[in-house]
Protein backbone atom coordinates (compact mmCIF):
# COMPACT_ATOMS: atom_id res chain seq x y z
CA MET A 1 0.04 0.11 0.07
CA LEU A 2 1.38 3.30 -1.11
CA PRO A 3 1.75 6.12 1.75
CA LYS A 4 -1.02 8.79 1.69
CA VAL A 5 -0.47 11.52 -1.02
CA SER A 6 -3.03 14.13 -1.83
CA VAL A 7 -3.35 14.40 -5.56
CA PRO A 8 -3.21 16.32 -7.88
CA MET A 9 0.34 16.96 -7.12
CA ASP A 10 3.39 18.32 -9.04
CA PHE A 11 5.92 15.57 -8.88
CA GLY A 12 8.03 17.27 -11.68
CA ARG A 13 7.67 17.03 -15.39
CA HIS A 14 11.54 16.72 -15.73
CA LEU A 15 10.89 13.22 -14.48
CA ILE A 16 8.92 12.21 -17.44
CA GLY A 17 10.77 9.82 -19.72
CA SER A 18 13.44 9.21 -17.20
CA PRO A 19 14.83 5.85 -17.98
CA THR A 20 15.51 5.34 -14.28
CA HIS A 21 12.04 6.02 -13.10
CA SER A 22 9.98 4.87 -16.08
CA ASN A 23 9.46 1.30 -15.02
CA LEU A 24 5.85 0.97 -16.36
CA LYS A 25 5.12 0.31 -19.90
CA LEU A 26 1.68 1.75 -21.39
CA ASN A 27 0.85 0.10 -24.52
CA THR A 28 -1.20 2.20 -26.93
CA SER A 29 -3.17 1.95 -30.11
CA GLU A 30 -1.22 1.36 -33.53
CA GLY A 31 1.75 -0.17 -31.51
CA GLY A 32 2.61 2.96 -29.61
CA GLU A 33 4.24 2.81 -26.11
CA VAL A 34 4.56 5.31 -23.30
CA ARG A 35 6.84 4.95 -20.36
CA ALA A 36 5.90 6.17 -16.92
CA SER A 37 6.63 5.54 -13.25
CA SER A 38 4.34 3.20 -11.63
CA VAL A 39 4.65 4.91 -8.34
CA ILE A 40 3.55 8.34 -9.69
CA LEU A 41 0.58 6.65 -11.74
CA SER A 42 -0.26 4.80 -8.51
CA PHE A 43 -0.40 7.96 -6.41
CA ASN A 44 -3.04 9.15 -8.92
CA SER A 45 -4.97 5.99 -9.84
CA PRO A 46 -6.13 3.12 -7.32
CA VAL A 47 -6.69 1.09 -10.30
CA ILE A 48 -3.00 1.24 -11.55
CA ASP A 49 -2.00 0.98 -7.93
CA HIS A 50 -3.61 -2.45 -7.71
CA MET A 51 -2.24 -3.38 -11.19
CA THR A 52 1.36 -2.71 -10.17
CA THR A 53 1.45 -3.16 -6.36
CA THR A 54 -0.89 -6.21 -5.96
CA LEU A 55 -0.76 -7.88 -9.37
CA HIS A 56 3.00 -6.79 -10.00
CA MET A 57 2.27 -5.85 -13.56
CA THR A 58 5.01 -3.98 -15.46
CA SER A 59 2.99 -3.40 -18.57
CA VAL A 60 -0.60 -2.18 -19.10
CA ASP A 61 -2.33 -2.46 -22.37
CA MET A 62 -4.28 0.69 -23.30
CA LEU A 63 -4.86 -0.32 -26.82
CA GLU A 64 -7.95 1.63 -27.39
CA PHE A 65 -6.33 4.81 -26.73
CA SER A 66 -4.10 7.01 -28.73
CA LYS A 67 -0.38 7.62 -27.85
CA ALA A 68 -1.19 11.35 -27.52
CA ALA A 69 -3.86 10.74 -25.05
CA VAL A 70 -2.03 8.27 -23.01
CA GLN A 71 0.96 10.65 -22.89
CA LEU A 72 -1.27 13.46 -21.81
CA LEU A 73 -2.60 11.14 -18.95
CA VAL A 74 0.97 10.57 -17.85
CA ASP A 75 1.64 14.43 -18.16
CA ALA A 76 -1.39 15.18 -15.93
CA ALA A 77 -0.19 12.66 -13.26
CA TYR A 78 3.28 13.91 -13.21
CA SER A 79 2.41 17.71 -13.32
CA GLY A 80 -0.80 17.81 -11.31
CA THR A 81 -2.42 19.79 -14.05
CA ALA A 82 -4.84 19.06 -16.96
CA GLU A 83 -3.06 21.40 -19.51
CA GLY A 84 -3.29 20.16 -22.99
CA ILE A 85 -6.72 18.89 -23.23
CA THR A 86 -8.14 19.28 -26.62
CA ARG A 87 -11.40 18.46 -28.41
CA GLU A 88 -9.38 15.69 -30.27
CA LEU A 89 -8.13 14.26 -27.14
CA PHE A 90 -11.14 14.93 -24.70
CA ARG A 91 -12.92 11.59 -25.29
CA ASP A 92 -10.00 9.40 -24.65
CA ILE A 93 -8.51 11.41 -21.69
CA ASN A 94 -11.91 11.48 -20.07
CA LYS A 95 -12.58 7.82 -20.49
CA MET A 96 -9.15 6.82 -19.02
CA ALA A 97 -9.66 9.39 -16.00
CA ASN A 98 -12.81 7.58 -15.30
CA VAL A 99 -11.75 3.89 -15.82
CA PHE A 100 -8.50 4.34 -13.78
CA GLU A 101 -10.38 6.34 -11.28
CA MET A 102 -8.35 9.48 -11.45
CA SER A 103 -11.27 11.54 -9.87
CA TRP A 104 -9.29 14.89 -9.95
CA LEU A 105 -8.46 14.42 -13.55
CA ALA A 106 -12.30 13.51 -14.34
CA GLU A 107 -13.36 16.64 -12.59
CA LYS A 108 -11.07 18.62 -14.87
CA CYS A 109 -12.52 16.93 -17.98
CA ALA A 110 -15.89 17.86 -16.85
CA GLU A 111 -14.85 21.41 -16.41
CA TYR A 112 -13.31 21.42 -19.89
CA PHE A 113 -16.61 20.10 -21.46
CA THR A 114 -18.44 22.76 -19.58
CA GLU A 115 -15.96 25.49 -20.89
CA VAL A 116 -16.48 24.12 -24.50
CA ALA A 117 -20.22 24.42 -23.94
CA ASP A 118 -20.21 27.73 -22.62
CA SER A 119 -18.04 28.87 -25.39
CA VAL A 120 -20.88 28.27 -28.06
CA LYS A 121 -22.68 31.64 -27.94
CA THR A 122 -24.82 31.26 -31.13
CA PRO A 123 -26.52 28.22 -32.69
CA SER A 124 -23.96 26.27 -34.49
CA TYR A 125 -24.88 22.62 -35.85
CA THR A 126 -21.20 21.70 -35.77
CA GLU A 127 -20.42 22.95 -32.33
CA LEU A 128 -23.70 21.37 -30.94
CA LEU A 129 -23.03 18.17 -32.70
CA TYR A 130 -19.62 17.97 -31.15
CA LEU A 131 -21.27 18.35 -27.68
CA PHE A 132 -23.95 15.84 -28.33
CA GLU A 133 -21.79 13.14 -29.65
CA GLU A 134 -19.44 13.36 -26.98
CA ALA A 135 -22.14 13.49 -24.27
CA GLY A 136 -23.78 10.37 -25.99
CA PHE A 137 -20.43 8.44 -25.89
CA ILE A 138 -19.89 9.15 -22.29
CA TYR A 139 -23.38 8.00 -21.37
CA GLU A 140 -23.08 4.91 -23.27
CA LYS A 141 -19.62 3.97 -22.19
CA LEU A 142 -19.39 5.35 -18.73
CA LYS A 143 -23.06 5.71 -17.78
CA ILE A 144 -22.49 9.11 -16.79
CA LYS A 145 -25.65 11.36 -17.89
CA ASP A 146 -24.48 14.78 -16.78
CA TYR A 147 -22.67 15.62 -20.03
CA LEU A 148 -25.87 14.75 -21.87
CA ASN A 149 -28.10 16.95 -19.52
CA LEU A 150 -25.88 19.79 -20.06
CA THR A 151 -25.98 19.61 -23.75
CA ILE A 152 -29.67 19.40 -23.90
CA LYS A 153 -29.81 22.23 -21.53
CA LYS A 154 -27.72 24.19 -23.95
CA ILE A 155 -29.90 23.38 -26.95
CA GLU A 156 -33.03 24.37 -25.02
CA ILE A 157 -31.58 27.61 -24.06
CA MET A 158 -30.63 28.41 -27.74
CA LYS A 159 -34.05 27.49 -28.68
CA TRP A 160 -32.65 25.33 -31.52
CA LYS A 161 -34.31 21.82 -30.81
CA GLN A 162 -36.06 21.64 -34.31
CA GLU A 163 -33.24 22.69 -36.21
CA PHE A 164 -30.93 20.36 -34.54
CA ILE A 165 -33.19 17.42 -34.62
CA ASP A 166 -33.94 18.04 -38.47
CA ARG A 167 -30.00 17.96 -38.99
CA TYR A 168 -29.33 15.15 -36.90
CA LEU A 169 -31.98 12.86 -38.39
CA GLU A 170 -30.93 13.40 -41.83
CA ASN A 171 -29.21 10.11 -41.66
CA ALA A 172 -31.30 8.59 -39.10
CA ASP A 173 -30.88 4.89 -40.35
CA ARG A 174 -27.32 5.28 -39.45
CA LEU A 175 -28.07 6.05 -35.88
CA SER A 176 -28.09 3.47 -33.05
CA THR A 177 -31.06 3.03 -30.82
CA GLN A 178 -29.24 4.73 -28.18
CA LYS A 179 -28.69 7.58 -30.37
CA LEU A 180 -32.35 7.77 -31.17
CA ASP A 181 -33.13 7.63 -27.44
CA MET A 182 -30.91 10.71 -26.98
CA VAL A 183 -32.95 12.45 -29.58
CA ILE A 184 -36.28 11.44 -27.81
CA GLU A 185 -34.77 12.67 -24.62
CA LEU A 186 -33.85 16.02 -26.29
CA ALA A 187 -37.21 16.65 -27.70
CA GLY A 188 -38.71 15.78 -24.33
CA SER A 189 -42.48 16.81 -24.14
CA GLU A 190 -41.80 18.84 -27.33
CA VAL A 191 -42.43 15.66 -29.38
CA ASN A 192 -43.48 17.93 -32.19
CA CYS A 193 -39.93 18.53 -33.21
CA ILE A 194 -39.34 14.75 -34.05
CA VAL A 195 -43.03 14.53 -35.34
CA GLN A 196 -42.32 17.61 -37.79
CA THR A 197 -39.05 16.07 -39.10
CA LEU A 198 -40.43 12.56 -39.62
CA THR A 199 -43.59 14.01 -41.37
CA ASN A 200 -41.32 15.96 -43.77
CA GLN A 201 -39.00 13.04 -44.42
CA LEU A 202 -41.58 10.38 -44.92
CA SER A 203 -43.94 12.54 -46.94
CA VAL A 204 -41.04 12.21 -49.65
CA LEU A 205 -39.59 8.90 -48.87
CA LEU A 206 -42.80 6.70 -48.84
CA LYS A 207 -43.75 7.92 -52.19
CA VAL A 208 -40.46 6.63 -53.59
CA GLN A 209 -39.92 3.30 -51.62
CA GLY A 210 -43.50 2.38 -50.87
CA PRO A 211 -45.18 2.06 -47.56
CA SER A 212 -42.28 0.09 -45.74
CA LEU A 213 -41.23 2.31 -42.84
CA PRO A 214 -37.44 2.91 -42.24
CA VAL A 215 -36.28 1.04 -38.99
CA SER A 216 -35.30 4.31 -37.36
CA SER A 217 -38.63 6.00 -38.06
CA GLU A 218 -40.54 3.06 -36.72
CA TYR A 219 -38.45 3.18 -33.67
CA LEU A 220 -39.03 6.75 -33.06
CA LEU A 221 -42.81 6.51 -33.52
CA ASP A 222 -42.84 3.42 -31.11
CA ASN A 223 -40.93 5.19 -28.44
CA CYS A 224 -42.24 8.71 -28.47
CA CYS A 225 -45.15 9.99 -26.51
CA LEU A 226 -47.43 10.97 -29.55
CA TYR A 227 -49.84 12.18 -27.14
CA PHE A 228 -47.99 15.38 -26.54
CA CYS A 229 -48.05 16.03 -30.09
CA LYS A 230 -51.87 15.24 -30.53
CA LYS A 231 -52.47 17.45 -27.45
CA SER A 232 -50.34 20.53 -28.58
CA ASP A 233 -50.72 20.41 -32.28
CA ARG A 234 -53.61 18.34 -33.72
CA VAL A 235 -52.96 19.62 -37.37
CA LEU A 236 -49.45 18.13 -37.34
CA PHE A 237 -50.52 14.93 -35.66
CA ASN A 238 -53.25 14.39 -38.39
CA ARG A 239 -50.70 15.22 -41.19
CA LEU A 240 -48.35 12.51 -39.77
CA PHE A 241 -51.06 9.86 -40.11
CA ASP A 242 -52.03 11.14 -43.33
CA VAL A 243 -48.59 10.62 -44.68
CA LEU A 244 -48.31 7.10 -42.95
CA GLY A 245 -51.58 6.26 -44.65
């Protein structure tokens, strides 16, 4: 058991890459390799502490993560700071921080995501899509919903639900049911946003391919509370069923 050390702590960036101290090999994607001190990483991560102290591992496979992300994780552990997080590295570094139970780094990742969300001042599909996709990944892989809640609130504040859902469902058949569930959650009681999009899409699509509904459309209709649409916009509700025939 390691002595109690409060992290984050600045152990010294000058130790990074030191042949003397770097006794732990971290194997990354595409055959990459990052060397680090098992002691410094163990102070930051109880998971790595167990791997090295109890299981006596000298090599850890991090094959799903890029070398750049793993190096950033090591830099953070050594320096006690989360400098260097970028949009490209956020997904990997946030997942590693949670998987390896580096709680302070996970908090820094949450702060970074909030800063990115706060930086979006005007509606932009590209910016909001980044937030929505990253939030979805975190919810699916880590079962953490805070990021999705923040993203939905951001879209709501911008009053951009309809526009976002229109764009996001353009290729709905490529979306997983988990992504479709996220759209349903985004719509909330404003089911009209989904119904409007589907009605517009199906009015064209069904004329071309016949009465068979796309799987994604069927899933959304089965899982949406259409009562909200019927209650708030009877004209749209009737139009949907006119299209469906």
